[in-house]
Amino acid sequence: MKNNNPQAGFSAVELLIALFVAAAFIATGYQLYSIIVKNGAEVRNRSVASNIAYDNLRRYVPTDNGTTCVATSTPSPTPTIPAGTGLTSPSITVTLSCPYGAAVTITKVEVSVKYGTPQQEVVHAIYNTN
């Protein structure tokens, strides 16, 4: 005898399995989303710190006046971090050094920006002939 009543819809077991699989996908998607948001904030902070370091680096490159290198860890004017950067506890250090001796006209300018908790650091450096 032929069954003329075909089954329509899902059984309770099939429905529970489908809901379990959907819940697993949603949980995995949320974890991935939270990781992406966290990494995006870290990349943004690193980019802001890098821009601050580069801007200050260009400020302290000595002009081409033919003078010998003068090392200093506190150049004038004071290095700046603009307000409203979004960085937590930022600090900046600019160091001018004479890697090949004071008699040579090559100066190394190094800018270090530290920020965040735990502390992260971005360093830019350039060699310049005076």
N, C-alpha and C. Protein backbone atom coordinates (compact mmCIF):
# COMPACT_ATOMS: atom_id res chain seq x y z
N MET A 1 0.82 -1.16 0.00
CA MET A 1 0.00 0.00 0.00
C MET A 1 0.88 1.24 0.00
N LYS A 2 0.45 2.20 -0.70
CA LYS A 2 1.19 3.42 -0.89
C LYS A 2 0.75 4.47 0.11
N ASN A 3 1.72 5.19 0.69
CA ASN A 3 1.42 6.25 1.66
C ASN A 3 1.11 7.53 0.91
N ASN A 4 -0.11 7.99 0.96
CA ASN A 4 -0.52 9.19 0.25
C ASN A 4 -0.37 10.44 1.10
N ASN A 5 0.13 10.33 2.32
CA ASN A 5 0.28 11.47 3.22
C ASN A 5 1.76 11.80 3.37
N PRO A 6 2.34 12.59 2.42
CA PRO A 6 3.76 12.91 2.56
C PRO A 6 3.97 13.85 3.75
N GLN A 7 5.11 13.67 4.38
CA GLN A 7 5.43 14.47 5.56
C GLN A 7 5.80 15.89 5.13
N ALA A 8 5.24 16.89 5.76
CA ALA A 8 5.53 18.28 5.45
C ALA A 8 6.20 18.91 6.66
N GLY A 9 7.24 19.73 6.42
CA GLY A 9 7.91 20.42 7.51
C GLY A 9 9.03 19.61 8.13
N PHE A 10 9.49 20.08 9.29
CA PHE A 10 10.60 19.46 10.00
C PHE A 10 10.08 18.68 11.21
N SER A 11 10.82 17.65 11.56
CA SER A 11 10.52 16.97 12.81
C SER A 11 11.18 17.75 13.94
N ALA A 12 10.84 17.47 15.18
CA ALA A 12 11.40 18.18 16.32
C ALA A 12 12.91 17.98 16.41
N VAL A 13 13.41 16.79 16.11
CA VAL A 13 14.85 16.52 16.15
C VAL A 13 15.57 17.32 15.08
N GLU A 14 15.02 17.38 13.87
CA GLU A 14 15.66 18.15 12.80
C GLU A 14 15.69 19.64 13.15
N LEU A 15 14.62 20.12 13.75
CA LEU A 15 14.56 21.52 14.15
C LEU A 15 15.59 21.84 15.23
N LEU A 16 15.77 20.96 16.22
CA LEU A 16 16.77 21.17 17.27
C LEU A 16 18.19 21.16 16.70
N ILE A 17 18.45 20.27 15.77
CA ILE A 17 19.78 20.22 15.15
C ILE A 17 20.04 21.50 14.36
N ALA A 18 19.04 21.97 13.60
CA ALA A 18 19.20 23.20 12.82
C ALA A 18 19.44 24.39 13.75
N LEU A 19 18.73 24.46 14.86
CA LEU A 19 18.94 25.55 15.82
C LEU A 19 20.32 25.50 16.47
N PHE A 20 20.79 24.29 16.76
CA PHE A 20 22.12 24.14 17.35
C PHE A 20 23.20 24.59 16.37
N VAL A 21 23.07 24.22 15.11
CA VAL A 21 24.05 24.63 14.10
C VAL A 21 24.01 26.15 13.91
N ALA A 22 22.81 26.73 13.88
CA ALA A 22 22.69 28.18 13.73
C ALA A 22 23.31 28.90 14.92
N ALA A 23 23.09 28.40 16.13
CA ALA A 23 23.67 29.01 17.33
C ALA A 23 25.19 28.94 17.29
N ALA A 24 25.74 27.84 16.80
CA ALA A 24 27.20 27.70 16.69
C ALA A 24 27.75 28.72 15.70
N PHE A 25 27.08 28.93 14.57
CA PHE A 25 27.52 29.92 13.59
C PHE A 25 27.44 31.34 14.16
N ILE A 26 26.38 31.65 14.87
CA ILE A 26 26.23 32.98 15.46
C ILE A 26 27.31 33.24 16.51
N ALA A 27 27.60 32.26 17.36
CA ALA A 27 28.63 32.42 18.38
C ALA A 27 30.00 32.61 17.75
N THR A 28 30.30 31.84 16.72
CA THR A 28 31.58 31.98 16.02
C THR A 28 31.68 33.34 15.34
N GLY A 29 30.61 33.78 14.73
CA GLY A 29 30.59 35.09 14.07
C GLY A 29 30.81 36.22 15.05
N TYR A 30 30.21 36.13 16.23
CA TYR A 30 30.38 37.16 17.24
C TYR A 30 31.83 37.21 17.74
N GLN A 31 32.43 36.06 17.94
CA GLN A 31 33.84 36.03 18.37
C GLN A 31 34.74 36.65 17.32
N LEU A 32 34.49 36.33 16.06
CA LEU A 32 35.28 36.90 14.97
C LEU A 32 35.09 38.42 14.92
N TYR A 33 33.86 38.88 15.08
CA TYR A 33 33.56 40.31 15.07
C TYR A 33 34.31 41.03 16.20
N SER A 34 34.29 40.47 17.39
CA SER A 34 34.96 41.12 18.52
C SER A 34 36.48 41.17 18.32
N ILE A 35 37.05 40.15 17.72
CA ILE A 35 38.49 40.16 17.43
C ILE A 35 38.82 41.24 16.40
N ILE A 36 37.98 41.36 15.38
CA ILE A 36 38.22 42.37 14.34
C ILE A 36 38.12 43.77 14.92
N VAL A 37 37.15 44.01 15.77
CA VAL A 37 37.00 45.34 16.38
C VAL A 37 38.20 45.65 17.26
N LYS A 38 38.66 44.68 18.06
CA LYS A 38 39.81 44.90 18.94
C LYS A 38 41.07 45.18 18.12
N ASN A 39 41.31 44.39 17.07
CA ASN A 39 42.49 44.60 16.24
C ASN A 39 42.42 45.93 15.50
N GLY A 40 41.21 46.33 15.10
CA GLY A 40 41.05 47.61 14.41
C GLY A 40 41.44 48.77 15.31
N ALA A 41 41.07 48.70 16.59
CA ALA A 41 41.43 49.76 17.53
C ALA A 41 42.95 49.78 17.75
N GLU A 42 43.57 48.63 17.83
CA GLU A 42 45.03 48.58 18.01
C GLU A 42 45.75 49.15 16.80
N VAL A 43 45.26 48.84 15.62
CA VAL A 43 45.89 49.35 14.39
C VAL A 43 45.71 50.86 14.30
N ARG A 44 44.54 51.36 14.68
CA ARG A 44 44.31 52.80 14.65
C ARG A 44 45.25 53.52 15.61
N ASN A 45 45.39 53.00 16.82
CA ASN A 45 46.30 53.61 17.80
C ASN A 45 47.74 53.59 17.30
N ARG A 46 48.16 52.49 16.71
CA ARG A 46 49.53 52.39 16.18
C ARG A 46 49.73 53.39 15.04
N SER A 47 48.73 53.55 14.21
CA SER A 47 48.81 54.49 13.10
C SER A 47 48.90 55.93 13.60
N VAL A 48 48.10 56.28 14.61
CA VAL A 48 48.15 57.63 15.18
C VAL A 48 49.53 57.88 15.80
N ALA A 49 50.05 56.91 16.55
CA ALA A 49 51.38 57.06 17.16
C ALA A 49 52.47 57.18 16.09
N SER A 50 52.34 56.44 15.02
CA SER A 50 53.31 56.51 13.94
C SER A 50 53.29 57.88 13.27
N ASN A 51 52.10 58.43 13.05
CA ASN A 51 52.00 59.77 12.47
C ASN A 51 52.60 60.83 13.38
N ILE A 52 52.36 60.72 14.68
CA ILE A 52 52.95 61.66 15.64
C ILE A 52 54.47 61.57 15.60
N ALA A 53 54.99 60.34 15.58
CA ALA A 53 56.44 60.15 15.55
C ALA A 53 57.04 60.73 14.26
N TYR A 54 56.39 60.48 13.14
CA TYR A 54 56.92 60.98 11.87
C TYR A 54 56.88 62.51 11.82
N ASP A 55 55.78 63.10 12.28
CA ASP A 55 55.69 64.57 12.28
C ASP A 55 56.80 65.19 13.13
N ASN A 56 57.05 64.61 14.30
CA ASN A 56 58.12 65.13 15.15
C ASN A 56 59.50 64.85 14.56
N LEU A 57 59.64 63.72 13.89
CA LEU A 57 60.92 63.39 13.25
C LEU A 57 61.30 64.46 12.24
N ARG A 58 60.34 64.87 11.42
CA ARG A 58 60.63 65.87 10.40
C ARG A 58 60.95 67.24 11.02
N ARG A 59 60.40 67.52 12.22
CA ARG A 59 60.68 68.79 12.89
C ARG A 59 62.13 68.90 13.35
N TYR A 60 62.77 67.78 13.66
CA TYR A 60 64.09 67.80 14.28
C TYR A 60 65.22 67.42 13.34
N VAL A 61 64.92 67.24 12.07
CA VAL A 61 66.00 66.97 11.12
C VAL A 61 66.80 68.26 10.98
N PRO A 62 68.11 68.21 11.27
CA PRO A 62 68.93 69.42 11.21
C PRO A 62 68.97 69.99 9.79
N THR A 63 69.07 71.30 9.71
CA THR A 63 69.19 71.94 8.40
C THR A 63 70.60 71.75 7.88
N ASP A 64 70.75 71.88 6.59
CA ASP A 64 72.05 71.66 5.94
C ASP A 64 72.91 72.91 6.10
N ASN A 65 73.64 72.97 7.22
CA ASN A 65 74.49 74.14 7.45
C ASN A 65 75.97 73.77 7.59
N GLY A 66 76.33 72.53 7.33
CA GLY A 66 77.72 72.11 7.34
C GLY A 66 78.35 72.00 8.70
N THR A 67 77.56 72.04 9.77
CA THR A 67 78.13 71.95 11.11
C THR A 67 78.31 70.49 11.51
N THR A 68 79.11 70.28 12.52
CA THR A 68 79.33 68.92 13.01
C THR A 68 78.14 68.49 13.86
N CYS A 69 78.06 67.23 14.12
CA CYS A 69 76.95 66.64 14.85
C CYS A 69 77.01 67.04 16.33
N VAL A 70 75.83 67.35 16.89
CA VAL A 70 75.71 67.66 18.31
C VAL A 70 74.64 66.73 18.88
N ALA A 71 75.06 65.85 19.79
CA ALA A 71 74.12 64.89 20.38
C ALA A 71 73.33 65.54 21.51
N THR A 72 72.03 65.23 21.56
CA THR A 72 71.18 65.72 22.64
C THR A 72 69.97 64.82 22.78
N SER A 73 69.47 64.69 24.01
CA SER A 73 68.27 63.89 24.23
C SER A 73 67.05 64.77 24.49
N THR A 74 67.26 66.08 24.60
CA THR A 74 66.14 67.00 24.81
C THR A 74 66.28 68.18 23.86
N PRO A 75 65.95 67.97 22.60
CA PRO A 75 66.11 69.06 21.63
C PRO A 75 65.09 70.16 21.87
N SER A 76 65.38 71.32 21.32
CA SER A 76 64.47 72.44 21.42
C SER A 76 63.86 72.68 20.04
N PRO A 77 62.61 72.98 19.92
CA PRO A 77 61.56 73.08 20.92
C PRO A 77 61.13 71.71 21.45
N THR A 78 60.35 71.71 22.51
CA THR A 78 59.90 70.47 23.13
C THR A 78 59.02 69.69 22.16
N PRO A 79 59.23 68.36 22.04
CA PRO A 79 58.38 67.55 21.16
C PRO A 79 56.92 67.59 21.62
N THR A 80 56.00 67.50 20.68
CA THR A 80 54.59 67.64 21.02
C THR A 80 53.76 66.43 20.61
N ILE A 81 52.73 66.20 21.40
CA ILE A 81 51.69 65.23 21.06
C ILE A 81 50.39 66.01 21.00
N PRO A 82 49.75 66.06 19.83
CA PRO A 82 48.52 66.85 19.73
C PRO A 82 47.43 66.32 20.64
N ALA A 83 46.55 67.22 21.09
CA ALA A 83 45.43 66.82 21.93
C ALA A 83 44.39 66.07 21.09
N GLY A 84 43.66 65.20 21.73
CA GLY A 84 42.58 64.49 21.06
C GLY A 84 43.02 63.36 20.15
N THR A 85 44.16 62.77 20.42
CA THR A 85 44.65 61.67 19.57
C THR A 85 43.97 60.35 19.89
N GLY A 86 43.42 60.22 21.09
CA GLY A 86 42.79 58.97 21.49
C GLY A 86 43.76 57.99 22.10
N LEU A 87 45.04 58.34 22.19
CA LEU A 87 46.02 57.46 22.81
C LEU A 87 45.97 57.61 24.32
N THR A 88 46.12 56.49 25.03
CA THR A 88 46.15 56.55 26.49
C THR A 88 47.59 56.65 26.97
N SER A 89 47.85 57.57 27.87
CA SER A 89 49.16 57.81 28.47
C SER A 89 50.28 57.94 27.44
N PRO A 90 50.14 58.84 26.45
CA PRO A 90 51.21 58.96 25.46
C PRO A 90 52.41 59.74 26.00
N SER A 91 53.59 59.34 25.56
CA SER A 91 54.81 60.09 25.86
C SER A 91 55.70 60.02 24.63
N ILE A 92 56.51 61.04 24.48
CA ILE A 92 57.38 61.11 23.30
C ILE A 92 58.80 61.45 23.72
N THR A 93 59.76 60.81 23.05
CA THR A 93 61.17 61.06 23.29
C THR A 93 61.86 61.28 21.96
N VAL A 94 62.62 62.37 21.86
CA VAL A 94 63.39 62.67 20.66
C VAL A 94 64.86 62.66 21.05
N THR A 95 65.68 61.92 20.31
CA THR A 95 67.10 61.84 20.59
C THR A 95 67.88 62.14 19.31
N LEU A 96 68.81 63.06 19.41
CA LEU A 96 69.76 63.34 18.33
C LEU A 96 71.09 62.76 18.75
N SER A 97 71.66 61.89 17.91
CA SER A 97 72.94 61.27 18.26
C SER A 97 73.92 61.37 17.11
N CYS A 98 75.17 61.13 17.45
CA CYS A 98 76.26 61.17 16.47
C CYS A 98 76.82 59.76 16.31
N PRO A 99 76.24 58.95 15.44
CA PRO A 99 76.66 57.55 15.36
C PRO A 99 78.09 57.36 14.84
N TYR A 100 78.62 58.35 14.14
CA TYR A 100 79.96 58.22 13.57
C TYR A 100 80.96 59.19 14.19
N GLY A 101 80.61 59.74 15.36
CA GLY A 101 81.49 60.67 16.05
C GLY A 101 81.07 62.11 15.82
N ALA A 102 81.46 62.97 16.74
CA ALA A 102 81.03 64.36 16.70
C ALA A 102 81.69 65.16 15.58
N ALA A 103 82.81 64.67 15.05
CA ALA A 103 83.51 65.41 14.00
C ALA A 103 82.85 65.24 12.64
N VAL A 104 81.97 64.27 12.50
CA VAL A 104 81.30 63.99 11.23
C VAL A 104 79.99 64.76 11.20
N THR A 105 79.51 65.08 10.01
CA THR A 105 78.29 65.88 9.89
C THR A 105 77.03 65.02 9.74
N ILE A 106 77.07 63.78 10.18
CA ILE A 106 75.90 62.90 10.09
C ILE A 106 75.24 62.80 11.46
N THR A 107 73.95 63.13 11.49
CA THR A 107 73.17 63.09 12.72
C THR A 107 72.07 62.05 12.58
N LYS A 108 71.89 61.26 13.64
CA LYS A 108 70.77 60.31 13.68
C LYS A 108 69.68 60.93 14.55
N VAL A 109 68.49 61.10 13.97
CA VAL A 109 67.35 61.62 14.70
C VAL A 109 66.41 60.44 14.95
N GLU A 110 66.10 60.20 16.22
CA GLU A 110 65.23 59.07 16.58
C GLU A 110 64.09 59.58 17.45
N VAL A 111 62.85 59.23 17.05
CA VAL A 111 61.66 59.64 17.80
C VAL A 111 60.96 58.38 18.27
N SER A 112 60.64 58.34 19.55
CA SER A 112 59.94 57.20 20.15
C SER A 112 58.64 57.70 20.78
N VAL A 113 57.51 57.09 20.39
CA VAL A 113 56.22 57.41 20.98
C VAL A 113 55.75 56.18 21.73
N LYS A 114 55.49 56.34 23.04
CA LYS A 114 54.98 55.25 23.87
C LYS A 114 53.55 55.58 24.26
N TYR A 115 52.69 54.55 24.29
CA TYR A 115 51.28 54.78 24.60
C TYR A 115 50.65 53.48 25.10
N GLY A 116 49.49 53.60 25.72
CA GLY A 116 48.66 52.45 26.07
C GLY A 116 49.10 51.69 27.30
N THR A 117 48.20 50.75 27.69
CA THR A 117 48.46 49.83 28.78
C THR A 117 48.04 48.46 28.33
N PRO A 118 48.91 47.49 28.17
CA PRO A 118 50.36 47.55 28.36
C PRO A 118 50.99 48.49 27.33
N GLN A 119 52.13 49.01 27.69
CA GLN A 119 52.77 50.04 26.89
C GLN A 119 53.25 49.51 25.54
N GLN A 120 52.86 50.22 24.50
CA GLN A 120 53.30 49.96 23.13
C GLN A 120 54.28 51.06 22.73
N GLU A 121 55.11 50.79 21.74
CA GLU A 121 56.09 51.80 21.32
C GLU A 121 56.22 51.81 19.81
N VAL A 122 56.29 53.02 19.26
CA VAL A 122 56.55 53.22 17.84
C VAL A 122 57.82 54.07 17.75
N VAL A 123 58.77 53.63 16.93
CA VAL A 123 60.04 54.34 16.80
C VAL A 123 60.29 54.63 15.32
N HIS A 124 60.63 55.89 15.03
CA HIS A 124 61.06 56.30 13.70
C HIS A 124 62.44 56.92 13.84
N ALA A 125 63.30 56.67 12.86
CA ALA A 125 64.64 57.24 12.89
C ALA A 125 65.07 57.60 11.47
N ILE A 126 65.96 58.58 11.39
CA ILE A 126 66.49 58.99 10.10
C ILE A 126 67.92 59.48 10.30
N TYR A 127 68.75 59.23 9.31
CA TYR A 127 70.10 59.77 9.30
C TYR A 127 70.11 60.98 8.39
N ASN A 128 70.79 62.04 8.83
CA ASN A 128 70.79 63.27 8.04
C ASN A 128 72.19 63.87 8.07
N THR A 129 72.59 64.42 6.95
CA THR A 129 73.87 65.14 6.92
C THR A 129 73.56 66.60 7.20
N ASN A 130 74.33 67.18 8.09
CA ASN A 130 74.06 68.57 8.50
C ASN A 130 74.55 69.54 7.44
